[in-house]
Amino acid sequence: MDIKSKLESLLFVSAKPMSIKQLVELIESPREKIEQAGDELVNEYKENKKGIQIVKNNSQYQMVSSSENSEVIRKFIKDETTGELSRPSLETLTIITYRGPISKMDLDRIRGVNCSLILRNLLLRGLIEANTDKLKKETYYSITCDFIRYLGVNDIKELPNYEKLSIDETIDEMLKKTEETANS
């Protein structure tokens, strides 16, 4: 697979800008080749006038929707961020509330499905926040102060059964077993 293809795939799955340094590490190619491929992609997308564009900001690249489609995107995001939460979103939010900060990997293990789109939706709504642990190279999700205020409590520990559910041994054992299985 060529560098442009790998770069394009990484930018597609990343929810945020990716630095050239990060891309060099992941693609395992020299910086100059990454920059050349990135700049070529920026130009190709721009020339083809597609609904998706790749933009470069200093030493970062990001895949974004075309500015020409901003109105339809704004309508979609408004609907997505103001409508009712789906059952899977509520389940994910509940897990984050009682078990957070929690990694995406652990969320996926508990729910048994990939939670990427749900996490994106909850982030857009401002109900959760993401913090990256640079040592573990993993992102952890926790609820926001706005969400706590929305619930009408002053402290998360005021939620029903918080003490019991935040340290549930069954969940801890299940996570430990799935992690051991994944590592073997």
N, C-alpha and C. Protein backbone atom coordinates (compact mmCIF):
# COMPACT_ATOMS: atom_id res chain seq x y z
N MET A 1 0.85 -1.19 0.00
CA MET A 1 0.00 0.00 0.00
C MET A 1 0.88 1.24 0.00
N ASP A 2 0.53 2.26 -0.76
CA ASP A 2 1.37 3.45 -0.82
C ASP A 2 1.07 4.40 0.34
N ILE A 3 1.96 5.35 0.50
CA ILE A 3 1.89 6.29 1.63
C ILE A 3 0.60 7.09 1.60
N LYS A 4 0.20 7.57 0.41
CA LYS A 4 -1.03 8.37 0.31
C LYS A 4 -2.24 7.59 0.79
N SER A 5 -2.31 6.33 0.43
CA SER A 5 -3.44 5.49 0.83
C SER A 5 -3.48 5.33 2.36
N LYS A 6 -2.33 5.08 2.95
CA LYS A 6 -2.26 4.93 4.41
C LYS A 6 -2.61 6.25 5.10
N LEU A 7 -2.07 7.32 4.59
CA LEU A 7 -2.34 8.65 5.15
C LEU A 7 -3.83 8.97 5.09
N GLU A 8 -4.42 8.71 3.94
CA GLU A 8 -5.84 8.97 3.75
C GLU A 8 -6.69 8.15 4.73
N SER A 9 -6.34 6.89 4.92
CA SER A 9 -7.08 6.03 5.86
C SER A 9 -6.95 6.53 7.29
N LEU A 10 -5.75 6.92 7.69
CA LEU A 10 -5.55 7.42 9.05
C LEU A 10 -6.33 8.71 9.28
N LEU A 11 -6.31 9.61 8.31
CA LEU A 11 -7.05 10.86 8.46
C LEU A 11 -8.55 10.61 8.51
N PHE A 12 -9.00 9.60 7.79
CA PHE A 12 -10.43 9.26 7.78
C PHE A 12 -10.90 8.78 9.16
N VAL A 13 -10.11 7.93 9.81
CA VAL A 13 -10.56 7.37 11.09
C VAL A 13 -10.26 8.27 12.28
N SER A 14 -9.38 9.24 12.09
CA SER A 14 -9.04 10.14 13.19
C SER A 14 -10.10 11.23 13.34
N ALA A 15 -10.51 11.45 14.56
CA ALA A 15 -11.52 12.48 14.82
C ALA A 15 -10.89 13.85 15.01
N LYS A 16 -9.57 13.90 15.00
CA LYS A 16 -8.89 15.17 15.24
C LYS A 16 -7.68 15.28 14.32
N PRO A 17 -7.08 16.47 14.23
CA PRO A 17 -5.91 16.63 13.36
C PRO A 17 -4.77 15.68 13.79
N MET A 18 -4.01 15.24 12.81
CA MET A 18 -2.87 14.37 13.08
C MET A 18 -1.59 15.10 12.69
N SER A 19 -0.61 15.08 13.59
CA SER A 19 0.66 15.75 13.31
C SER A 19 1.50 14.91 12.36
N ILE A 20 2.38 15.59 11.66
CA ILE A 20 3.28 14.89 10.75
C ILE A 20 4.13 13.90 11.55
N LYS A 21 4.55 14.29 12.73
CA LYS A 21 5.34 13.41 13.58
C LYS A 21 4.58 12.11 13.88
N GLN A 22 3.32 12.24 14.22
CA GLN A 22 2.47 11.08 14.50
C GLN A 22 2.34 10.21 13.25
N LEU A 23 2.14 10.83 12.11
CA LEU A 23 1.98 10.10 10.85
C LEU A 23 3.27 9.37 10.47
N VAL A 24 4.42 10.00 10.72
CA VAL A 24 5.71 9.38 10.44
C VAL A 24 5.85 8.10 11.26
N GLU A 25 5.48 8.18 12.55
CA GLU A 25 5.59 7.01 13.43
C GLU A 25 4.65 5.89 12.99
N LEU A 26 3.43 6.23 12.62
CA LEU A 26 2.45 5.21 12.26
C LEU A 26 2.72 4.59 10.88
N ILE A 27 3.08 5.40 9.91
CA ILE A 27 3.27 4.92 8.54
C ILE A 27 4.69 4.36 8.36
N GLU A 28 5.59 4.80 9.23
CA GLU A 28 6.98 4.35 9.20
C GLU A 28 7.65 4.71 7.88
N SER A 29 7.51 5.98 7.53
CA SER A 29 8.17 6.53 6.33
C SER A 29 8.81 7.86 6.72
N PRO A 30 9.78 8.32 5.93
CA PRO A 30 10.45 9.59 6.24
C PRO A 30 9.48 10.78 6.21
N ARG A 31 9.78 11.76 7.01
CA ARG A 31 8.96 12.96 7.14
C ARG A 31 8.70 13.61 5.78
N GLU A 32 9.74 13.71 4.95
CA GLU A 32 9.61 14.37 3.65
C GLU A 32 8.56 13.67 2.79
N LYS A 33 8.56 12.34 2.81
CA LYS A 33 7.60 11.57 2.00
C LYS A 33 6.18 11.74 2.53
N ILE A 34 6.04 11.80 3.85
CA ILE A 34 4.72 12.01 4.46
C ILE A 34 4.19 13.37 4.07
N GLU A 35 5.04 14.40 4.18
CA GLU A 35 4.62 15.76 3.82
C GLU A 35 4.26 15.86 2.34
N GLN A 36 5.07 15.24 1.50
CA GLN A 36 4.80 15.27 0.06
C GLN A 36 3.46 14.60 -0.24
N ALA A 37 3.22 13.42 0.34
CA ALA A 37 1.96 12.70 0.12
C ALA A 37 0.79 13.51 0.68
N GLY A 38 0.97 14.10 1.86
CA GLY A 38 -0.09 14.91 2.47
C GLY A 38 -0.44 16.12 1.62
N ASP A 39 0.58 16.81 1.14
CA ASP A 39 0.35 17.99 0.29
C ASP A 39 -0.33 17.60 -1.02
N GLU A 40 0.07 16.45 -1.59
CA GLU A 40 -0.58 15.97 -2.81
C GLU A 40 -2.06 15.68 -2.56
N LEU A 41 -2.36 15.04 -1.42
CA LEU A 41 -3.76 14.75 -1.09
C LEU A 41 -4.57 16.03 -0.92
N VAL A 42 -3.98 17.02 -0.26
CA VAL A 42 -4.66 18.31 -0.07
C VAL A 42 -5.06 18.86 -1.44
N ASN A 43 -4.13 18.85 -2.37
CA ASN A 43 -4.39 19.39 -3.71
C ASN A 43 -5.38 18.54 -4.50
N GLU A 44 -5.25 17.21 -4.42
CA GLU A 44 -6.17 16.33 -5.15
C GLU A 44 -7.61 16.53 -4.70
N TYR A 45 -7.82 16.58 -3.39
CA TYR A 45 -9.18 16.77 -2.87
C TYR A 45 -9.72 18.15 -3.27
N LYS A 46 -8.86 19.14 -3.21
CA LYS A 46 -9.27 20.50 -3.55
C LYS A 46 -9.66 20.60 -5.03
N GLU A 47 -8.86 20.01 -5.90
CA GLU A 47 -9.12 20.05 -7.35
C GLU A 47 -10.37 19.28 -7.74
N ASN A 48 -10.65 18.17 -7.05
CA ASN A 48 -11.80 17.33 -7.40
C ASN A 48 -13.12 17.84 -6.83
N LYS A 49 -13.05 18.86 -6.00
CA LYS A 49 -14.26 19.48 -5.42
C LYS A 49 -15.22 18.44 -4.84
N LYS A 50 -14.68 17.60 -3.98
CA LYS A 50 -15.45 16.57 -3.30
C LYS A 50 -16.09 17.13 -2.03
N GLY A 51 -16.96 16.35 -1.45
CA GLY A 51 -17.60 16.74 -0.19
C GLY A 51 -16.67 16.64 1.01
N ILE A 52 -15.55 15.96 0.80
CA ILE A 52 -14.53 15.83 1.84
C ILE A 52 -13.28 16.53 1.36
N GLN A 53 -12.61 17.21 2.26
CA GLN A 53 -11.35 17.88 1.94
C GLN A 53 -10.31 17.45 2.96
N ILE A 54 -9.06 17.58 2.59
CA ILE A 54 -7.97 17.40 3.55
C ILE A 54 -7.31 18.77 3.68
N VAL A 55 -7.15 19.21 4.90
CA VAL A 55 -6.54 20.51 5.15
C VAL A 55 -5.24 20.32 5.92
N LYS A 56 -4.35 21.27 5.71
CA LYS A 56 -3.07 21.27 6.43
C LYS A 56 -3.00 22.56 7.23
N ASN A 57 -2.70 22.41 8.50
CA ASN A 57 -2.54 23.56 9.38
C ASN A 57 -1.21 23.39 10.08
N ASN A 58 -0.23 24.19 9.68
CA ASN A 58 1.14 24.06 10.17
C ASN A 58 1.65 22.65 9.90
N SER A 59 1.87 21.86 10.93
CA SER A 59 2.41 20.50 10.72
C SER A 59 1.35 19.44 11.04
N GLN A 60 0.09 19.77 10.79
CA GLN A 60 -1.00 18.82 11.04
C GLN A 60 -1.91 18.73 9.81
N TYR A 61 -2.43 17.52 9.60
CA TYR A 61 -3.40 17.29 8.54
C TYR A 61 -4.70 16.82 9.17
N GLN A 62 -5.81 17.15 8.53
CA GLN A 62 -7.11 16.68 9.00
C GLN A 62 -8.06 16.54 7.82
N MET A 63 -8.88 15.51 7.87
CA MET A 63 -9.93 15.32 6.88
C MET A 63 -11.18 16.01 7.42
N VAL A 64 -11.78 16.87 6.61
CA VAL A 64 -12.93 17.66 7.04
C VAL A 64 -13.98 17.67 5.93
N SER A 65 -15.18 18.10 6.29
CA SER A 65 -16.20 18.25 5.25
C SER A 65 -15.94 19.56 4.51
N SER A 66 -16.35 19.60 3.27
CA SER A 66 -16.15 20.76 2.43
C SER A 66 -16.94 21.95 2.97
N SER A 67 -16.32 23.12 2.92
CA SER A 67 -17.00 24.33 3.43
C SER A 67 -18.26 24.64 2.61
N GLU A 68 -18.31 24.18 1.37
CA GLU A 68 -19.48 24.41 0.52
C GLU A 68 -20.72 23.67 1.04
N ASN A 69 -20.50 22.67 1.85
CA ASN A 69 -21.61 21.89 2.40
C ASN A 69 -21.91 22.23 3.86
N SER A 70 -21.42 23.36 4.31
CA SER A 70 -21.53 23.71 5.72
C SER A 70 -22.99 23.80 6.21
N GLU A 71 -23.88 24.29 5.37
CA GLU A 71 -25.28 24.44 5.80
C GLU A 71 -25.93 23.09 6.07
N VAL A 72 -25.75 22.13 5.16
CA VAL A 72 -26.35 20.80 5.36
C VAL A 72 -25.69 20.10 6.55
N ILE A 73 -24.41 20.30 6.75
CA ILE A 73 -23.70 19.72 7.90
C ILE A 73 -24.23 20.34 9.19
N ARG A 74 -24.42 21.64 9.19
CA ARG A 74 -24.93 22.33 10.38
C ARG A 74 -26.31 21.79 10.76
N LYS A 75 -27.18 21.56 9.77
CA LYS A 75 -28.51 20.98 10.04
C LYS A 75 -28.40 19.60 10.66
N PHE A 76 -27.51 18.77 10.07
CA PHE A 76 -27.32 17.41 10.57
C PHE A 76 -26.82 17.42 12.01
N ILE A 77 -25.81 18.23 12.28
CA ILE A 77 -25.24 18.28 13.63
C ILE A 77 -26.25 18.80 14.62
N LYS A 78 -27.04 19.79 14.20
CA LYS A 78 -28.07 20.31 15.10
C LYS A 78 -29.06 19.20 15.46
N ASP A 79 -29.51 18.44 14.47
CA ASP A 79 -30.42 17.33 14.73
C ASP A 79 -29.77 16.28 15.62
N GLU A 80 -28.49 15.99 15.35
CA GLU A 80 -27.79 14.95 16.09
C GLU A 80 -27.52 15.36 17.53
N THR A 81 -27.33 16.65 17.77
CA THR A 81 -26.97 17.09 19.12
C THR A 81 -28.15 17.60 19.94
N THR A 82 -29.32 17.71 19.33
CA THR A 82 -30.46 18.20 20.11
C THR A 82 -31.55 17.14 20.27
N GLY A 83 -31.50 16.10 19.46
CA GLY A 83 -32.51 15.04 19.56
C GLY A 83 -32.29 14.19 20.80
N GLU A 84 -33.21 13.27 21.02
CA GLU A 84 -33.09 12.38 22.16
C GLU A 84 -31.93 11.42 21.96
N LEU A 85 -31.35 11.00 23.08
CA LEU A 85 -30.27 10.02 23.02
C LEU A 85 -30.85 8.65 22.74
N SER A 86 -30.15 7.88 21.91
CA SER A 86 -30.57 6.51 21.63
C SER A 86 -30.27 5.63 22.84
N ARG A 87 -30.85 4.45 22.87
CA ARG A 87 -30.59 3.52 23.97
C ARG A 87 -29.09 3.19 24.08
N PRO A 88 -28.40 2.89 22.96
CA PRO A 88 -26.96 2.63 23.06
C PRO A 88 -26.17 3.83 23.61
N SER A 89 -26.59 5.04 23.23
CA SER A 89 -25.92 6.24 23.75
C SER A 89 -26.14 6.38 25.24
N LEU A 90 -27.36 6.11 25.70
CA LEU A 90 -27.65 6.17 27.13
C LEU A 90 -26.86 5.12 27.90
N GLU A 91 -26.76 3.92 27.34
CA GLU A 91 -25.98 2.86 28.00
C GLU A 91 -24.52 3.28 28.13
N THR A 92 -23.97 3.80 27.04
CA THR A 92 -22.57 4.22 27.05
C THR A 92 -22.36 5.36 28.03
N LEU A 93 -23.25 6.33 28.04
CA LEU A 93 -23.16 7.46 28.96
C LEU A 93 -23.25 6.99 30.41
N THR A 94 -24.11 6.02 30.67
CA THR A 94 -24.24 5.48 32.02
C THR A 94 -22.95 4.80 32.46
N ILE A 95 -22.35 4.03 31.57
CA ILE A 95 -21.09 3.36 31.90
C ILE A 95 -20.01 4.40 32.21
N ILE A 96 -19.92 5.44 31.38
CA ILE A 96 -18.93 6.49 31.60
C ILE A 96 -19.20 7.20 32.92
N THR A 97 -20.48 7.43 33.21
CA THR A 97 -20.84 8.13 34.45
C THR A 97 -20.39 7.34 35.67
N TYR A 98 -20.66 6.05 35.68
CA TYR A 98 -20.37 5.24 36.86
C TYR A 98 -18.95 4.68 36.89
N ARG A 99 -18.32 4.52 35.73
CA ARG A 99 -17.01 3.88 35.69
C ARG A 99 -15.88 4.80 35.23
N GLY A 100 -16.22 6.03 34.82
CA GLY A 100 -15.21 6.92 34.26
C GLY A 100 -14.23 7.44 35.27
N PRO A 101 -13.07 7.90 34.82
CA PRO A 101 -12.64 7.87 33.44
C PRO A 101 -12.39 6.43 32.97
N ILE A 102 -12.82 6.17 31.74
CA ILE A 102 -12.75 4.82 31.19
C ILE A 102 -12.25 4.89 29.75
N SER A 103 -11.45 3.91 29.37
CA SER A 103 -10.90 3.88 28.01
C SER A 103 -11.95 3.39 27.03
N LYS A 104 -11.75 3.72 25.77
CA LYS A 104 -12.66 3.25 24.73
C LYS A 104 -12.62 1.73 24.66
N MET A 105 -11.43 1.16 24.83
CA MET A 105 -11.30 -0.29 24.78
C MET A 105 -12.16 -0.96 25.85
N ASP A 106 -12.15 -0.42 27.06
CA ASP A 106 -12.97 -0.99 28.12
C ASP A 106 -14.46 -0.77 27.85
N LEU A 107 -14.81 0.38 27.30
CA LEU A 107 -16.21 0.63 26.93
C LEU A 107 -16.68 -0.40 25.90
N ASP A 108 -15.84 -0.61 24.89
CA ASP A 108 -16.17 -1.59 23.85
C ASP A 108 -16.33 -2.99 24.45
N ARG A 109 -15.47 -3.33 25.39
CA ARG A 109 -15.54 -4.65 26.03
C ARG A 109 -16.81 -4.81 26.85
N ILE A 110 -17.17 -3.78 27.60
CA ILE A 110 -18.37 -3.85 28.43
C ILE A 110 -19.62 -3.94 27.57
N ARG A 111 -19.69 -3.11 26.53
CA ARG A 111 -20.88 -3.08 25.67
C ARG A 111 -20.87 -4.18 24.62
N GLY A 112 -19.70 -4.68 24.28
CA GLY A 112 -19.61 -5.74 23.28
C GLY A 112 -19.69 -5.26 21.85
N VAL A 113 -19.60 -3.95 21.64
CA VAL A 113 -19.63 -3.36 20.30
C VAL A 113 -18.70 -2.16 20.25
N ASN A 114 -18.35 -1.73 19.05
CA ASN A 114 -17.52 -0.55 18.87
C ASN A 114 -18.34 0.70 19.22
N CYS A 115 -17.82 1.53 20.09
CA CYS A 115 -18.56 2.71 20.58
C CYS A 115 -18.09 4.02 19.94
N SER A 116 -17.31 3.97 18.88
CA SER A 116 -16.73 5.18 18.30
C SER A 116 -17.77 6.24 17.94
N LEU A 117 -18.80 5.88 17.21
CA LEU A 117 -19.80 6.87 16.80
C LEU A 117 -20.59 7.41 17.98
N ILE A 118 -20.87 6.56 18.93
CA ILE A 118 -21.60 7.00 20.13
C ILE A 118 -20.74 7.99 20.90
N LEU A 119 -19.45 7.69 21.06
CA LEU A 119 -18.56 8.61 21.78
C LEU A 119 -18.49 9.95 21.07
N ARG A 120 -18.42 9.93 19.74
CA ARG A 120 -18.40 11.16 18.96
C ARG A 120 -19.65 11.99 19.23
N ASN A 121 -20.80 11.35 19.23
CA ASN A 121 -22.06 12.02 19.47
C ASN A 121 -22.09 12.63 20.88
N LEU A 122 -21.67 11.86 21.87
CA LEU A 122 -21.67 12.35 23.26
C LEU A 122 -20.68 13.50 23.44
N LEU A 123 -19.54 13.44 22.73
CA LEU A 123 -18.58 14.54 22.77
C LEU A 123 -19.17 15.79 22.14
N LEU A 124 -19.84 15.63 20.98
CA LEU A 124 -20.47 16.77 20.31
C LEU A 124 -21.52 17.44 21.18
N ARG A 125 -22.23 16.64 21.94
CA ARG A 125 -23.26 17.18 22.82
C ARG A 125 -22.70 17.81 24.09
N GLY A 126 -21.41 17.62 24.33
CA GLY A 126 -20.79 18.19 25.52
C GLY A 126 -21.09 17.41 26.79
N LEU A 127 -21.53 16.16 26.65
CA LEU A 127 -21.87 15.35 27.82
C LEU A 127 -20.65 14.63 28.39
N ILE A 128 -19.66 14.37 27.54
CA ILE A 128 -18.44 13.72 27.98
C ILE A 128 -17.25 14.50 27.46
N GLU A 129 -16.08 14.21 28.03
CA GLU A 129 -14.84 14.80 27.54
C GLU A 129 -13.80 13.70 27.42
N ALA A 130 -12.83 13.93 26.56
CA ALA A 130 -11.78 12.95 26.31
C ALA A 130 -10.44 13.52 26.76
N ASN A 131 -9.69 12.70 27.48
CA ASN A 131 -8.35 13.08 27.90
C ASN A 131 -7.41 11.94 27.54
N THR A 132 -6.26 12.29 26.98
CA THR A 132 -5.31 11.27 26.53
C THR A 132 -4.23 11.08 27.57
N ASP A 133 -3.99 9.82 27.91
CA ASP A 133 -2.88 9.44 28.79
C ASP A 133 -1.70 9.18 27.87
N LYS A 134 -0.74 10.09 27.87
CA LYS A 134 0.37 10.00 26.92
C LYS A 134 1.27 8.80 27.20
N LEU A 135 1.37 8.39 28.46
CA LEU A 135 2.21 7.23 28.77
C LEU A 135 1.59 5.95 28.23
N LYS A 136 0.29 5.78 28.43
CA LYS A 136 -0.41 4.58 27.95
C LYS A 136 -0.85 4.70 26.50
N LYS A 137 -0.75 5.92 25.95
CA LYS A 137 -1.20 6.21 24.58
C LYS A 137 -2.65 5.76 24.39
N GLU A 138 -3.48 6.15 25.35
CA GLU A 138 -4.88 5.75 25.32
C GLU A 138 -5.74 6.94 25.74
N THR A 139 -6.92 7.03 25.18
CA THR A 139 -7.84 8.11 25.51
C THR A 139 -8.85 7.61 26.53
N TYR A 140 -9.10 8.42 27.54
CA TYR A 140 -10.06 8.08 28.59
C TYR A 140 -11.21 9.08 28.56
N TYR A 141 -12.41 8.57 28.76
CA TYR A 141 -13.62 9.38 28.70
C TYR A 141 -14.23 9.53 30.09
N SER A 142 -14.68 10.74 30.37
CA SER A 142 -15.38 11.02 31.62
C SER A 142 -16.49 12.02 31.33
N ILE A 143 -17.41 12.12 32.26
CA ILE A 143 -18.53 13.05 32.05
C ILE A 143 -18.07 14.47 32.33
N THR A 144 -18.81 15.43 31.79
CA THR A 144 -18.46 16.84 31.97
C THR A 144 -19.24 17.43 33.14
N CYS A 145 -18.77 18.56 33.59
CA CYS A 145 -19.48 19.29 34.64
C CYS A 145 -20.86 19.71 34.16
N ASP A 146 -20.98 20.03 32.88
CA ASP A 146 -22.29 20.39 32.32
C ASP A 146 -23.28 19.23 32.47
N PHE A 147 -22.80 18.02 32.24
CA PHE A 147 -23.68 16.86 32.37
C PHE A 147 -24.09 16.66 33.83
N ILE A 148 -23.17 16.84 34.75
CA ILE A 148 -23.50 16.72 36.18
C ILE A 148 -24.56 17.75 36.55
N ARG A 149 -24.37 18.98 36.06
CA ARG A 149 -25.34 20.04 36.33
C ARG A 149 -26.69 19.69 35.71
N TYR A 150 -26.67 19.13 34.48
CA TYR A 150 -27.90 18.72 33.80
C TYR A 150 -28.65 17.66 34.62
N LEU A 151 -27.90 16.76 35.26
CA LEU A 151 -28.54 15.73 36.09
C LEU A 151 -29.18 16.31 37.35
N GLY A 152 -28.76 17.52 37.73
CA GLY A 152 -29.33 18.16 38.91
C GLY A 152 -28.68 17.72 40.21
N VAL A 153 -27.45 17.24 40.12
CA VAL A 153 -26.72 16.86 41.34
C VAL A 153 -25.49 17.73 41.45
N ASN A 154 -24.99 17.85 42.68
CA ASN A 154 -23.78 18.63 42.89
C ASN A 154 -22.53 17.77 42.87
N ASP A 155 -22.72 16.49 43.10
CA ASP A 155 -21.61 15.57 43.16
C ASP A 155 -22.05 14.26 42.52
N ILE A 156 -21.22 13.69 41.71
CA ILE A 156 -21.55 12.45 41.02
C ILE A 156 -21.91 11.34 42.00
N LYS A 157 -21.37 11.41 43.18
CA LYS A 157 -21.62 10.38 44.21
C LYS A 157 -23.05 10.41 44.72
N GLU A 158 -23.81 11.46 44.35
CA GLU A 158 -25.22 11.55 44.74
C GLU A 158 -26.12 10.70 43.85
N LEU A 159 -25.58 10.16 42.76
CA LEU A 159 -26.38 9.33 41.85
C LEU A 159 -26.78 8.02 42.53
N PRO A 160 -27.90 7.43 42.15
CA PRO A 160 -28.36 6.18 42.76
C PRO A 160 -27.32 5.06 42.63
N ASN A 161 -27.05 4.40 43.71
CA ASN A 161 -26.13 3.25 43.76
C ASN A 161 -24.72 3.55 43.24
N TYR A 162 -24.30 4.81 43.33
CA TYR A 162 -22.99 5.16 42.78
C TYR A 162 -21.86 4.35 43.41
N GLU A 163 -21.85 4.29 44.73
CA GLU A 163 -20.77 3.58 45.43
C GLU A 163 -20.69 2.13 44.98
N LYS A 164 -21.84 1.47 44.88
CA LYS A 164 -21.87 0.05 44.51
C LYS A 164 -21.46 -0.14 43.06
N LEU A 165 -22.01 0.64 42.15
CA LEU A 165 -21.78 0.43 40.71
C LEU A 165 -20.41 0.92 40.24
N SER A 166 -19.85 1.92 40.92
CA SER A 166 -18.56 2.45 40.47
C SER A 166 -17.41 1.49 40.76
N ILE A 167 -17.65 0.53 41.65
CA ILE A 167 -16.60 -0.46 41.96
C ILE A 167 -17.14 -1.88 41.86
N ASP A 168 -17.92 -2.14 40.85
CA ASP A 168 -18.53 -3.45 40.66
C ASP A 168 -17.47 -4.49 40.30
N GLU A 169 -17.31 -5.50 41.15
CA GLU A 169 -16.28 -6.51 40.95
C GLU A 169 -16.55 -7.38 39.73
N THR A 170 -17.81 -7.62 39.41
CA THR A 170 -18.15 -8.44 38.25
C THR A 170 -17.62 -7.79 36.97
N ILE A 171 -17.81 -6.48 36.86
CA ILE A 171 -17.31 -5.77 35.68
C ILE A 171 -15.78 -5.79 35.66
N ASP A 172 -15.17 -5.56 36.83
CA ASP A 172 -13.70 -5.60 36.91
C ASP A 172 -13.15 -6.95 36.47
N GLU A 173 -13.77 -8.02 36.93
CA GLU A 173 -13.32 -9.37 36.56
C GLU A 173 -13.50 -9.62 35.07
N MET A 174 -14.63 -9.19 34.52
CA MET A 174 -14.90 -9.37 33.09
C MET A 174 -13.88 -8.61 32.25
N LEU A 175 -13.56 -7.39 32.65
CA LEU A 175 -12.57 -6.60 31.91
C LEU A 175 -11.19 -7.26 31.99
N LYS A 176 -10.86 -7.76 33.14
CA LYS A 176 -9.56 -8.42 33.32
C LYS A 176 -9.47 -9.67 32.44
N LYS A 177 -10.55 -10.47 32.40
CA LYS A 177 -10.55 -11.70 31.59
C LYS A 177 -10.45 -11.37 30.11
N THR A 178 -11.20 -10.37 29.63
CA THR A 178 -11.16 -10.04 28.21
C THR A 178 -9.80 -9.45 27.83
N GLU A 179 -9.18 -8.73 28.74
CA GLU A 179 -7.86 -8.18 28.47
C GLU A 179 -6.82 -9.31 28.39
N GLU A 180 -6.92 -10.29 29.31
CA GLU A 180 -6.00 -11.42 29.29
C GLU A 180 -6.19 -12.23 28.01
N THR A 181 -7.43 -12.42 27.59
CA THR A 181 -7.71 -13.16 26.35
C THR A 181 -7.13 -12.42 25.15
N ALA A 182 -7.28 -11.12 25.14
CA ALA A 182 -6.77 -10.30 24.02
C ALA A 182 -5.25 -10.33 23.96
N ASN A 183 -4.60 -10.41 25.12
CA ASN A 183 -3.14 -10.39 25.17
C ASN A 183 -2.50 -11.76 24.93
N SER A 184 -3.30 -12.83 24.97
CA SER A 184 -2.72 -14.17 24.78
C SER A 184 -2.83 -14.68 23.37
